[in-house]
Amino acid sequence: MANATMTVMDDNNGVWSALTGPSNIVTSIKDTLTLIDSNAVSQAGTTTGITQARGNAREVMTNRAIAVAGGGLAYANVNGDAALAAKFDYVRSDMTKARDTEVTDIANIILGAANDNAAALVDYNVSAMDITDLEAAITTYEGLESGRDAVVARSLATEALNVLFGQLMDKLNNQLDPFMETYKNSEQGFYISYKGDYPICGRT
């Protein structure tokens, strides 16, 4: 259902892509679907696709961590908090060049600092959902790390999937669905195509 919805959004990209709000929502949904796929590979307990799944999960984790770090660094700098700024002062290359175990350390430092300052970061374009999304991405990547015990990996994947499916439905039902109502009259073809996915899961 979610993949079919994303196909509809992609087919009508020209209608909404210039708007920041829906663009962020769609990106977040696609990233969540990537993490779901990665956890499904891990849960299956086979080596097939693990390398690709790990790479995909790392990319999502990096994207989310750097976005949170940007808002956090701005907040820390505005308030002259050098110690806090150091916890957010990372750029993409810091994560892309880091070793597998080191990249999760960086992501967890950013996550910890964000959790500690969650209320203040809302004014710097870092929402509570951005923070929980980052946490989910870290959990997924850690479960896919090379050398992880297969039993532990499957257990972590199952836990992560429960969280991710909840996040996915929240983004679809509470973010994308309301936005689509703005096109009910102006873009009827797009709107009808989008609503056409609902019978798959019974949403109305």
N, C-alpha and C. Protein backbone atom coordinates (compact mmCIF):
# COMPACT_ATOMS: atom_id res chain seq x y z
N MET A 1 0.83 -1.20 0.00
CA MET A 1 0.00 0.00 0.00
C MET A 1 0.87 1.25 0.00
N ALA A 2 1.84 1.29 0.89
CA ALA A 2 2.71 2.47 0.99
C ALA A 2 3.53 2.65 -0.28
N ASN A 3 4.04 1.53 -0.83
CA ASN A 3 4.82 1.63 -2.06
C ASN A 3 3.94 2.12 -3.22
N ALA A 4 2.69 1.65 -3.26
CA ALA A 4 1.77 2.09 -4.31
C ALA A 4 1.48 3.58 -4.16
N THR A 5 1.35 4.03 -2.91
CA THR A 5 1.11 5.46 -2.66
C THR A 5 2.29 6.29 -3.12
N MET A 6 3.51 5.80 -2.86
CA MET A 6 4.70 6.54 -3.29
C MET A 6 4.80 6.58 -4.82
N THR A 7 4.32 5.54 -5.49
CA THR A 7 4.31 5.55 -6.95
C THR A 7 3.39 6.64 -7.47
N VAL A 8 2.23 6.78 -6.83
CA VAL A 8 1.30 7.85 -7.21
C VAL A 8 1.94 9.21 -6.99
N MET A 9 2.62 9.37 -5.86
CA MET A 9 3.28 10.65 -5.58
C MET A 9 4.36 10.93 -6.62
N ASP A 10 5.15 9.93 -6.97
CA ASP A 10 6.21 10.11 -7.97
C ASP A 10 5.62 10.45 -9.34
N ASP A 11 4.52 9.80 -9.69
CA ASP A 11 3.89 10.05 -10.99
C ASP A 11 3.35 11.47 -11.09
N ASN A 12 3.08 12.08 -9.94
CA ASN A 12 2.54 13.44 -9.92
C ASN A 12 3.52 14.42 -9.27
N ASN A 13 4.79 14.10 -9.39
CA ASN A 13 5.85 14.88 -8.74
C ASN A 13 5.78 16.37 -9.07
N GLY A 14 5.42 16.70 -10.29
CA GLY A 14 5.38 18.09 -10.70
C GLY A 14 4.35 18.93 -9.96
N VAL A 15 3.37 18.28 -9.37
CA VAL A 15 2.31 19.01 -8.67
C VAL A 15 2.78 19.52 -7.32
N TRP A 16 3.55 18.68 -6.59
CA TRP A 16 3.86 18.99 -5.19
C TRP A 16 5.33 19.18 -4.86
N SER A 17 6.24 18.81 -5.75
CA SER A 17 7.66 18.75 -5.40
C SER A 17 8.30 20.10 -5.09
N ALA A 18 7.69 21.18 -5.55
CA ALA A 18 8.26 22.50 -5.26
C ALA A 18 7.92 22.98 -3.86
N LEU A 19 7.05 22.26 -3.18
CA LEU A 19 6.63 22.63 -1.83
C LEU A 19 7.45 21.88 -0.80
N THR A 20 8.00 22.59 0.17
CA THR A 20 8.88 21.97 1.16
C THR A 20 8.15 20.94 2.03
N GLY A 21 6.94 21.28 2.46
CA GLY A 21 6.21 20.40 3.37
C GLY A 21 6.02 19.00 2.83
N PRO A 22 5.31 18.84 1.70
CA PRO A 22 5.09 17.49 1.17
C PRO A 22 6.38 16.81 0.73
N SER A 23 7.35 17.59 0.26
CA SER A 23 8.63 17.00 -0.14
C SER A 23 9.30 16.32 1.05
N ASN A 24 9.26 16.99 2.20
CA ASN A 24 9.84 16.41 3.41
C ASN A 24 9.07 15.17 3.85
N ILE A 25 7.75 15.23 3.75
CA ILE A 25 6.93 14.08 4.15
C ILE A 25 7.24 12.87 3.27
N VAL A 26 7.27 13.08 1.96
CA VAL A 26 7.52 11.97 1.03
C VAL A 26 8.92 11.39 1.26
N THR A 27 9.91 12.26 1.44
CA THR A 27 11.27 11.77 1.70
C THR A 27 11.31 10.93 2.96
N SER A 28 10.64 11.39 4.00
CA SER A 28 10.61 10.66 5.26
C SER A 28 9.93 9.31 5.11
N ILE A 29 8.84 9.26 4.36
CA ILE A 29 8.15 7.99 4.13
C ILE A 29 9.04 7.03 3.35
N LYS A 30 9.69 7.53 2.32
CA LYS A 30 10.57 6.67 1.51
C LYS A 30 11.74 6.15 2.35
N ASP A 31 12.29 6.99 3.20
CA ASP A 31 13.38 6.55 4.08
C ASP A 31 12.89 5.47 5.04
N THR A 32 11.69 5.65 5.55
CA THR A 32 11.13 4.65 6.46
C THR A 32 10.91 3.33 5.74
N LEU A 33 10.45 3.38 4.50
CA LEU A 33 10.28 2.16 3.71
C LEU A 33 11.62 1.48 3.46
N THR A 34 12.67 2.28 3.24
CA THR A 34 14.01 1.72 3.06
C THR A 34 14.45 0.97 4.32
N LEU A 35 14.19 1.55 5.48
CA LEU A 35 14.56 0.90 6.74
C LEU A 35 13.73 -0.36 6.97
N ILE A 36 12.47 -0.33 6.58
CA ILE A 36 11.63 -1.53 6.70
C ILE A 36 12.20 -2.65 5.84
N ASP A 37 12.56 -2.32 4.61
CA ASP A 37 13.15 -3.33 3.71
C ASP A 37 14.46 -3.87 4.29
N SER A 38 15.28 -2.99 4.86
CA SER A 38 16.56 -3.42 5.42
C SER A 38 16.35 -4.36 6.60
N ASN A 39 15.39 -4.04 7.46
CA ASN A 39 15.10 -4.90 8.60
C ASN A 39 14.50 -6.24 8.16
N ALA A 40 13.74 -6.21 7.08
CA ALA A 40 13.16 -7.45 6.57
C ALA A 40 14.27 -8.40 6.11
N VAL A 41 15.31 -7.85 5.50
CA VAL A 41 16.46 -8.66 5.09
C VAL A 41 17.14 -9.27 6.31
N SER A 42 17.34 -8.45 7.34
CA SER A 42 17.99 -8.92 8.56
C SER A 42 17.13 -9.96 9.26
N GLN A 43 15.83 -9.76 9.28
CA GLN A 43 14.93 -10.68 9.96
C GLN A 43 14.90 -12.04 9.28
N ALA A 44 15.11 -12.03 7.95
CA ALA A 44 15.10 -13.28 7.20
C ALA A 44 16.26 -14.19 7.58
N GLY A 45 17.32 -13.61 8.13
CA GLY A 45 18.44 -14.41 8.62
C GLY A 45 19.34 -14.97 7.55
N THR A 46 19.29 -14.40 6.35
CA THR A 46 20.18 -14.86 5.27
C THR A 46 21.18 -13.75 4.95
N THR A 47 22.27 -14.14 4.29
CA THR A 47 23.30 -13.16 3.94
C THR A 47 22.97 -12.42 2.64
N THR A 48 22.04 -12.96 1.86
CA THR A 48 21.67 -12.34 0.60
C THR A 48 21.07 -10.96 0.83
N GLY A 49 21.69 -9.98 0.21
CA GLY A 49 21.17 -8.62 0.30
C GLY A 49 21.62 -7.85 1.52
N ILE A 50 22.38 -8.47 2.42
CA ILE A 50 22.79 -7.80 3.65
C ILE A 50 23.66 -6.58 3.36
N THR A 51 24.62 -6.72 2.44
CA THR A 51 25.51 -5.61 2.14
C THR A 51 24.75 -4.41 1.61
N GLN A 52 23.82 -4.66 0.69
CA GLN A 52 23.01 -3.57 0.13
C GLN A 52 22.11 -2.98 1.21
N ALA A 53 21.53 -3.83 2.03
CA ALA A 53 20.64 -3.35 3.10
C ALA A 53 21.41 -2.49 4.09
N ARG A 54 22.64 -2.91 4.40
CA ARG A 54 23.46 -2.14 5.33
C ARG A 54 23.81 -0.78 4.75
N GLY A 55 24.14 -0.77 3.46
CA GLY A 55 24.46 0.50 2.81
C GLY A 55 23.27 1.44 2.77
N ASN A 56 22.09 0.88 2.47
CA ASN A 56 20.88 1.71 2.44
C ASN A 56 20.57 2.27 3.82
N ALA A 57 20.69 1.42 4.84
CA ALA A 57 20.40 1.86 6.20
C ALA A 57 21.39 2.92 6.67
N ARG A 58 22.64 2.76 6.28
CA ARG A 58 23.66 3.74 6.66
C ARG A 58 23.37 5.09 6.01
N GLU A 59 22.93 5.08 4.76
CA GLU A 59 22.63 6.32 4.06
C GLU A 59 21.47 7.05 4.73
N VAL A 60 20.42 6.31 5.09
CA VAL A 60 19.28 6.93 5.76
C VAL A 60 19.70 7.49 7.11
N MET A 61 20.48 6.71 7.86
CA MET A 61 20.95 7.16 9.17
C MET A 61 21.79 8.43 9.03
N THR A 62 22.66 8.46 8.04
CA THR A 62 23.51 9.63 7.82
C THR A 62 22.67 10.86 7.47
N ASN A 63 21.72 10.69 6.57
CA ASN A 63 20.86 11.81 6.17
C ASN A 63 20.11 12.38 7.37
N ARG A 64 19.56 11.50 8.17
CA ARG A 64 18.77 11.95 9.32
C ARG A 64 19.66 12.57 10.39
N ALA A 65 20.82 11.99 10.62
CA ALA A 65 21.72 12.51 11.64
C ALA A 65 22.22 13.90 11.29
N ILE A 66 22.60 14.11 10.04
CA ILE A 66 23.13 15.40 9.63
C ILE A 66 22.05 16.47 9.66
N ALA A 67 20.82 16.12 9.32
CA ALA A 67 19.72 17.07 9.39
C ALA A 67 19.48 17.52 10.83
N VAL A 68 19.47 16.57 11.75
CA VAL A 68 19.29 16.91 13.17
C VAL A 68 20.48 17.71 13.68
N ALA A 69 21.68 17.31 13.27
CA ALA A 69 22.89 18.01 13.72
C ALA A 69 22.90 19.46 13.26
N GLY A 70 22.40 19.72 12.07
CA GLY A 70 22.37 21.08 11.56
C GLY A 70 21.54 22.01 12.43
N GLY A 71 20.34 21.55 12.76
CA GLY A 71 19.49 22.35 13.64
C GLY A 71 20.08 22.48 15.02
N GLY A 72 20.67 21.40 15.50
CA GLY A 72 21.27 21.42 16.83
C GLY A 72 22.46 22.34 16.92
N LEU A 73 23.29 22.34 15.88
CA LEU A 73 24.47 23.20 15.87
C LEU A 73 24.06 24.68 15.84
N ALA A 74 23.04 24.98 15.05
CA ALA A 74 22.55 26.36 15.00
C ALA A 74 22.07 26.80 16.38
N TYR A 75 21.31 25.94 17.03
CA TYR A 75 20.81 26.26 18.38
C TYR A 75 21.95 26.48 19.36
N ALA A 76 22.92 25.59 19.34
CA ALA A 76 24.05 25.68 20.27
C ALA A 76 24.86 26.96 20.02
N ASN A 77 25.07 27.28 18.76
CA ASN A 77 25.85 28.47 18.43
C ASN A 77 25.12 29.76 18.82
N VAL A 78 23.82 29.79 18.60
CA VAL A 78 23.04 30.97 18.97
C VAL A 78 23.14 31.23 20.47
N ASN A 79 23.20 30.15 21.25
CA ASN A 79 23.24 30.27 22.70
C ASN A 79 24.66 30.24 23.27
N GLY A 80 25.65 30.24 22.39
CA GLY A 80 27.04 30.29 22.84
C GLY A 80 27.46 29.09 23.67
N ASP A 81 26.87 27.93 23.38
CA ASP A 81 27.17 26.72 24.15
C ASP A 81 28.17 25.87 23.37
N ALA A 82 29.44 26.07 23.63
CA ALA A 82 30.50 25.38 22.87
C ALA A 82 30.48 23.88 23.10
N ALA A 83 30.19 23.47 24.34
CA ALA A 83 30.18 22.04 24.65
C ALA A 83 29.08 21.33 23.88
N LEU A 84 27.91 21.95 23.82
CA LEU A 84 26.81 21.35 23.06
C LEU A 84 27.09 21.40 21.57
N ALA A 85 27.67 22.49 21.10
CA ALA A 85 27.99 22.62 19.68
C ALA A 85 28.91 21.49 19.22
N ALA A 86 29.84 21.10 20.07
CA ALA A 86 30.77 20.03 19.71
C ALA A 86 30.05 18.71 19.45
N LYS A 87 28.92 18.50 20.11
CA LYS A 87 28.16 17.26 19.93
C LYS A 87 27.37 17.27 18.63
N PHE A 88 27.14 18.44 18.08
CA PHE A 88 26.40 18.55 16.82
C PHE A 88 27.29 18.91 15.63
N ASP A 89 28.56 19.20 15.88
CA ASP A 89 29.43 19.73 14.85
C ASP A 89 29.99 18.63 13.95
N TYR A 90 29.10 18.06 13.15
CA TYR A 90 29.48 17.01 12.20
C TYR A 90 28.92 17.36 10.83
N VAL A 91 29.67 17.02 9.79
CA VAL A 91 29.21 17.19 8.42
C VAL A 91 29.11 15.81 7.79
N ARG A 92 28.51 15.75 6.62
CA ARG A 92 28.26 14.46 5.98
C ARG A 92 29.53 13.63 5.82
N SER A 93 30.63 14.26 5.43
CA SER A 93 31.86 13.50 5.20
C SER A 93 32.37 12.83 6.48
N ASP A 94 32.08 13.41 7.64
CA ASP A 94 32.48 12.79 8.90
C ASP A 94 31.85 11.40 9.03
N MET A 95 30.62 11.27 8.54
CA MET A 95 29.92 10.00 8.65
C MET A 95 30.20 9.07 7.48
N THR A 96 30.30 9.63 6.28
CA THR A 96 30.54 8.76 5.12
C THR A 96 31.94 8.15 5.15
N LYS A 97 32.90 8.85 5.76
CA LYS A 97 34.27 8.35 5.82
C LYS A 97 34.56 7.52 7.07
N ALA A 98 33.64 7.52 8.03
CA ALA A 98 33.86 6.81 9.28
C ALA A 98 33.73 5.30 9.08
N ARG A 99 34.40 4.54 9.94
CA ARG A 99 34.25 3.09 9.92
C ARG A 99 32.85 2.71 10.37
N ASP A 100 32.47 1.46 10.11
CA ASP A 100 31.12 1.00 10.43
C ASP A 100 30.75 1.26 11.89
N THR A 101 31.64 0.90 12.81
CA THR A 101 31.33 1.08 14.22
C THR A 101 31.42 2.54 14.64
N GLU A 102 32.29 3.30 14.01
CA GLU A 102 32.45 4.72 14.36
C GLU A 102 31.26 5.55 13.92
N VAL A 103 30.63 5.19 12.81
CA VAL A 103 29.53 6.00 12.30
C VAL A 103 28.34 5.94 13.25
N THR A 104 28.14 4.79 13.90
CA THR A 104 27.04 4.71 14.87
C THR A 104 27.36 5.52 16.12
N ASP A 105 28.64 5.60 16.48
CA ASP A 105 29.03 6.43 17.62
C ASP A 105 28.66 7.90 17.36
N ILE A 106 28.96 8.37 16.15
CA ILE A 106 28.64 9.75 15.79
C ILE A 106 27.13 9.97 15.83
N ALA A 107 26.40 9.05 15.21
CA ALA A 107 24.94 9.18 15.18
C ALA A 107 24.35 9.18 16.58
N ASN A 108 24.89 8.36 17.46
CA ASN A 108 24.38 8.29 18.83
C ASN A 108 24.72 9.54 19.64
N ILE A 109 25.86 10.14 19.37
CA ILE A 109 26.21 11.41 20.03
C ILE A 109 25.19 12.48 19.64
N ILE A 110 24.90 12.56 18.35
CA ILE A 110 23.92 13.53 17.85
C ILE A 110 22.54 13.24 18.45
N LEU A 111 22.16 11.97 18.46
CA LEU A 111 20.86 11.58 19.01
C LEU A 111 20.74 11.95 20.48
N GLY A 112 21.77 11.66 21.26
CA GLY A 112 21.75 11.96 22.68
C GLY A 112 21.60 13.45 22.95
N ALA A 113 22.36 14.25 22.21
CA ALA A 113 22.29 15.71 22.38
C ALA A 113 20.93 16.24 21.95
N ALA A 114 20.38 15.65 20.90
CA ALA A 114 19.06 16.09 20.42
C ALA A 114 17.98 15.75 21.44
N ASN A 115 18.04 14.55 22.01
CA ASN A 115 17.07 14.17 23.03
C ASN A 115 17.13 15.11 24.23
N ASP A 116 18.33 15.48 24.62
CA ASP A 116 18.52 16.35 25.78
C ASP A 116 17.99 17.76 25.55
N ASN A 117 17.86 18.15 24.27
CA ASN A 117 17.46 19.52 23.94
C ASN A 117 16.25 19.54 23.00
N ALA A 118 15.45 18.49 23.07
CA ALA A 118 14.36 18.30 22.11
C ALA A 118 13.40 19.48 22.05
N ALA A 119 13.00 20.00 23.20
CA ALA A 119 12.02 21.09 23.22
C ALA A 119 12.56 22.35 22.53
N ALA A 120 13.81 22.66 22.80
CA ALA A 120 14.41 23.87 22.21
C ALA A 120 14.63 23.71 20.71
N LEU A 121 14.91 22.48 20.27
CA LEU A 121 15.24 22.27 18.86
C LEU A 121 14.04 22.40 17.93
N VAL A 122 12.85 22.37 18.48
CA VAL A 122 11.66 22.54 17.64
C VAL A 122 11.72 23.87 16.89
N ASP A 123 12.23 24.90 17.54
CA ASP A 123 12.36 26.21 16.90
C ASP A 123 13.47 26.26 15.87
N TYR A 124 14.25 25.18 15.77
CA TYR A 124 15.35 25.11 14.81
C TYR A 124 15.09 24.01 13.78
N ASN A 125 13.81 23.76 13.54
CA ASN A 125 13.37 22.84 12.49
C ASN A 125 13.77 21.38 12.76
N VAL A 126 13.88 21.03 14.03
CA VAL A 126 14.11 19.63 14.41
C VAL A 126 12.95 19.21 15.30
N SER A 127 12.06 18.41 14.76
CA SER A 127 10.87 18.00 15.49
C SER A 127 11.13 16.73 16.31
N ALA A 128 10.18 16.40 17.16
CA ALA A 128 10.28 15.16 17.93
C ALA A 128 10.31 13.96 16.99
N MET A 129 9.57 14.04 15.89
CA MET A 129 9.57 12.94 14.94
C MET A 129 10.93 12.80 14.25
N ASP A 130 11.59 13.93 13.98
CA ASP A 130 12.93 13.86 13.38
C ASP A 130 13.87 13.08 14.29
N ILE A 131 13.73 13.29 15.59
CA ILE A 131 14.60 12.62 16.56
C ILE A 131 14.27 11.13 16.65
N THR A 132 12.98 10.79 16.68
CA THR A 132 12.60 9.38 16.74
C THR A 132 12.94 8.66 15.44
N ASP A 133 12.86 9.39 14.32
CA ASP A 133 13.25 8.80 13.03
C ASP A 133 14.74 8.47 13.02
N LEU A 134 15.54 9.36 13.59
CA LEU A 134 16.98 9.11 13.67
C LEU A 134 17.25 7.89 14.54
N GLU A 135 16.55 7.80 15.65
CA GLU A 135 16.74 6.64 16.54
C GLU A 135 16.41 5.34 15.83
N ALA A 136 15.33 5.33 15.06
CA ALA A 136 14.95 4.14 14.31
C ALA A 136 16.00 3.77 13.27
N ALA A 137 16.58 4.77 12.64
CA ALA A 137 17.63 4.52 11.63
C ALA A 137 18.88 3.94 12.28
N ILE A 138 19.22 4.43 13.45
CA ILE A 138 20.39 3.90 14.17
C ILE A 138 20.15 2.45 14.56
N THR A 139 18.97 2.16 15.09
CA THR A 139 18.64 0.80 15.50
C THR A 139 18.74 -0.16 14.33
N THR A 140 18.24 0.27 13.18
CA THR A 140 18.30 -0.57 11.99
C THR A 140 19.74 -0.83 11.57
N TYR A 141 20.54 0.22 11.51
CA TYR A 141 21.92 0.05 11.07
C TYR A 141 22.71 -0.82 12.04
N GLU A 142 22.52 -0.61 13.32
CA GLU A 142 23.24 -1.42 14.31
C GLU A 142 22.89 -2.89 14.17
N GLY A 143 21.64 -3.18 13.84
CA GLY A 143 21.23 -4.57 13.66
C GLY A 143 21.83 -5.22 12.44
N LEU A 144 22.29 -4.39 11.50
CA LEU A 144 22.86 -4.91 10.26
C LEU A 144 24.38 -4.88 10.24
N GLU A 145 25.00 -4.41 11.31
CA GLU A 145 26.45 -4.30 11.34
C GLU A 145 27.12 -5.64 11.06
N SER A 146 28.21 -5.57 10.34
CA SER A 146 28.96 -6.77 10.00
C SER A 146 29.39 -7.51 11.26
N GLY A 147 29.17 -8.81 11.28
CA GLY A 147 29.60 -9.61 12.42
C GLY A 147 28.57 -9.74 13.52
N ARG A 148 27.44 -9.06 13.38
CA ARG A 148 26.40 -9.15 14.40
C ARG A 148 25.85 -10.57 14.47
N ASP A 149 25.67 -11.10 15.66
CA ASP A 149 25.11 -12.42 15.84
C ASP A 149 23.74 -12.49 15.17
N ALA A 150 23.49 -13.56 14.41
CA ALA A 150 22.27 -13.66 13.61
C ALA A 150 21.01 -13.64 14.48
N VAL A 151 21.05 -14.31 15.62
CA VAL A 151 19.88 -14.35 16.50
C VAL A 151 19.57 -12.96 17.04
N VAL A 152 20.62 -12.25 17.45
CA VAL A 152 20.45 -10.89 17.95
C VAL A 152 19.94 -9.99 16.84
N ALA A 153 20.48 -10.15 15.65
CA ALA A 153 20.08 -9.32 14.51
C ALA A 153 18.60 -9.51 14.21
N ARG A 154 18.12 -10.75 14.23
CA ARG A 154 16.71 -10.99 13.95
C ARG A 154 15.82 -10.38 15.02
N SER A 155 16.26 -10.47 16.27
CA SER A 155 15.49 -9.90 17.36
C SER A 155 15.39 -8.38 17.24
N LEU A 156 16.54 -7.74 16.92
CA LEU A 156 16.55 -6.30 16.76
C LEU A 156 15.69 -5.88 15.56
N ALA A 157 15.74 -6.67 14.49
CA ALA A 157 14.96 -6.36 13.30
C ALA A 157 13.46 -6.42 13.60
N THR A 158 13.05 -7.42 14.37
CA THR A 158 11.64 -7.55 14.71
C THR A 158 11.17 -6.36 15.54
N GLU A 159 11.98 -5.96 16.51
CA GLU A 159 11.64 -4.80 17.33
C GLU A 159 11.58 -3.53 16.47
N ALA A 160 12.55 -3.38 15.60
CA ALA A 160 12.61 -2.18 14.75
C ALA A 160 11.42 -2.11 13.81
N LEU A 161 11.01 -3.27 13.26
CA LEU A 161 9.89 -3.29 12.34
C LEU A 161 8.60 -2.85 13.02
N ASN A 162 8.41 -3.26 14.25
CA ASN A 162 7.21 -2.84 14.99
C ASN A 162 7.14 -1.32 15.09
N VAL A 163 8.29 -0.71 15.38
CA VAL A 163 8.36 0.75 15.50
C VAL A 163 8.17 1.41 14.13
N LEU A 164 8.85 0.88 13.13
CA LEU A 164 8.84 1.50 11.81
C LEU A 164 7.46 1.45 11.15
N PHE A 165 6.74 0.35 11.32
CA PHE A 165 5.41 0.28 10.73
C PHE A 165 4.47 1.29 11.39
N GLY A 166 4.64 1.48 12.69
CA GLY A 166 3.85 2.50 13.37
C GLY A 166 4.17 3.89 12.86
N GLN A 167 5.47 4.16 12.66
CA GLN A 167 5.87 5.46 12.14
C GLN A 167 5.36 5.66 10.71
N LEU A 168 5.43 4.61 9.92
CA LEU A 168 4.98 4.69 8.53
C LEU A 168 3.50 5.06 8.46
N MET A 169 2.67 4.38 9.23
CA MET A 169 1.25 4.65 9.18
C MET A 169 0.93 6.04 9.73
N ASP A 170 1.68 6.48 10.71
CA ASP A 170 1.48 7.82 11.24
C ASP A 170 1.76 8.87 10.17
N LYS A 171 2.83 8.66 9.42
CA LYS A 171 3.19 9.63 8.38
C LYS A 171 2.17 9.62 7.24
N LEU A 172 1.67 8.46 6.91
CA LEU A 172 0.67 8.37 5.85
C LEU A 172 -0.67 8.95 6.30
N ASN A 173 -1.13 8.53 7.47
CA ASN A 173 -2.47 8.91 7.92
C ASN A 173 -2.55 10.32 8.47
N ASN A 174 -1.51 10.76 9.15
CA ASN A 174 -1.58 12.04 9.87
C ASN A 174 -0.81 13.18 9.21
N GLN A 175 -0.01 12.85 8.20
CA GLN A 175 0.74 13.91 7.52
C GLN A 175 0.36 13.99 6.04
N LEU A 176 0.55 12.89 5.32
CA LEU A 176 0.30 12.95 3.87
C LEU A 176 -1.19 13.02 3.55
N ASP A 177 -2.01 12.24 4.25
CA ASP A 177 -3.46 12.26 3.99
C ASP A 177 -4.06 13.66 4.14
N PRO A 178 -3.81 14.36 5.24
CA PRO A 178 -4.38 15.71 5.37
C PRO A 178 -3.89 16.65 4.27
N PHE A 179 -2.61 16.55 3.94
CA PHE A 179 -2.08 17.41 2.87
C PHE A 179 -2.81 17.17 1.56
N MET A 180 -3.09 15.91 1.24
CA MET A 180 -3.73 15.59 -0.03
C MET A 180 -5.12 16.20 -0.16
N GLU A 181 -5.76 16.51 0.94
CA GLU A 181 -7.08 17.14 0.87
C GLU A 181 -7.01 18.51 0.20
N THR A 182 -5.83 19.12 0.19
CA THR A 182 -5.69 20.43 -0.45
C THR A 182 -5.81 20.33 -1.97
N TYR A 183 -5.72 19.11 -2.51
CA TYR A 183 -5.79 18.90 -3.95
C TYR A 183 -7.13 18.32 -4.41
N LYS A 184 -8.06 18.18 -3.48
CA LYS A 184 -9.34 17.54 -3.81
C LYS A 184 -10.05 18.23 -4.97
N ASN A 185 -9.99 19.54 -5.02
CA ASN A 185 -10.66 20.29 -6.08
C ASN A 185 -9.73 20.72 -7.20
N SER A 186 -8.49 21.08 -6.85
CA SER A 186 -7.58 21.65 -7.84
C SER A 186 -6.87 20.60 -8.70
N GLU A 187 -6.64 19.41 -8.14
CA GLU A 187 -5.93 18.35 -8.87
C GLU A 187 -6.71 17.04 -8.69
N GLN A 188 -7.88 16.98 -9.28
CA GLN A 188 -8.78 15.87 -9.03
C GLN A 188 -8.22 14.52 -9.48
N GLY A 189 -7.52 14.51 -10.62
CA GLY A 189 -6.94 13.25 -11.10
C GLY A 189 -5.92 12.70 -10.12
N PHE A 190 -5.05 13.56 -9.65
CA PHE A 190 -4.04 13.19 -8.65
C PHE A 190 -4.72 12.72 -7.37
N TYR A 191 -5.71 13.45 -6.93
CA TYR A 191 -6.40 13.14 -5.69
C TYR A 191 -7.10 11.78 -5.79
N ILE A 192 -7.77 11.53 -6.89
CA ILE A 192 -8.49 10.26 -7.06
C ILE A 192 -7.51 9.09 -7.13
N SER A 193 -6.39 9.30 -7.82
CA SER A 193 -5.37 8.24 -7.89
C SER A 193 -4.84 7.91 -6.51
N TYR A 194 -4.59 8.94 -5.73
CA TYR A 194 -4.09 8.75 -4.36
C TYR A 194 -5.11 8.02 -3.52
N LYS A 195 -6.35 8.43 -3.57
CA LYS A 195 -7.40 7.79 -2.79
C LYS A 195 -7.65 6.36 -3.26
N GLY A 196 -7.31 6.10 -4.51
CA GLY A 196 -7.53 4.77 -5.04
C GLY A 196 -6.72 3.69 -4.36
N ASP A 197 -5.63 4.09 -3.65
CA ASP A 197 -4.81 3.10 -2.94
C ASP A 197 -5.48 2.61 -1.66
N TYR A 198 -6.47 3.35 -1.17
CA TYR A 198 -7.00 3.06 0.16
C TYR A 198 -7.63 1.68 0.32
N PRO A 199 -8.35 1.17 -0.68
CA PRO A 199 -8.98 -0.15 -0.47
C PRO A 199 -7.98 -1.26 -0.14
N ILE A 200 -6.71 -1.06 -0.47
CA ILE A 200 -5.70 -2.10 -0.21
C ILE A 200 -5.61 -2.37 1.29
N CYS A 201 -5.73 -1.33 2.11
CA CYS A 201 -5.59 -1.53 3.55
C CYS A 201 -6.83 -1.07 4.32
N GLY A 202 -7.86 -0.66 3.58
CA GLY A 202 -9.09 -0.30 4.25
C GLY A 202 -9.14 1.10 4.80
N ARG A 203 -8.17 1.96 4.47
CA ARG A 203 -8.24 3.33 4.95
C ARG A 203 -9.32 4.10 4.22
N THR A 204 -9.93 5.07 4.89
CA THR A 204 -10.96 5.87 4.26
C THR A 204 -10.63 7.34 4.42
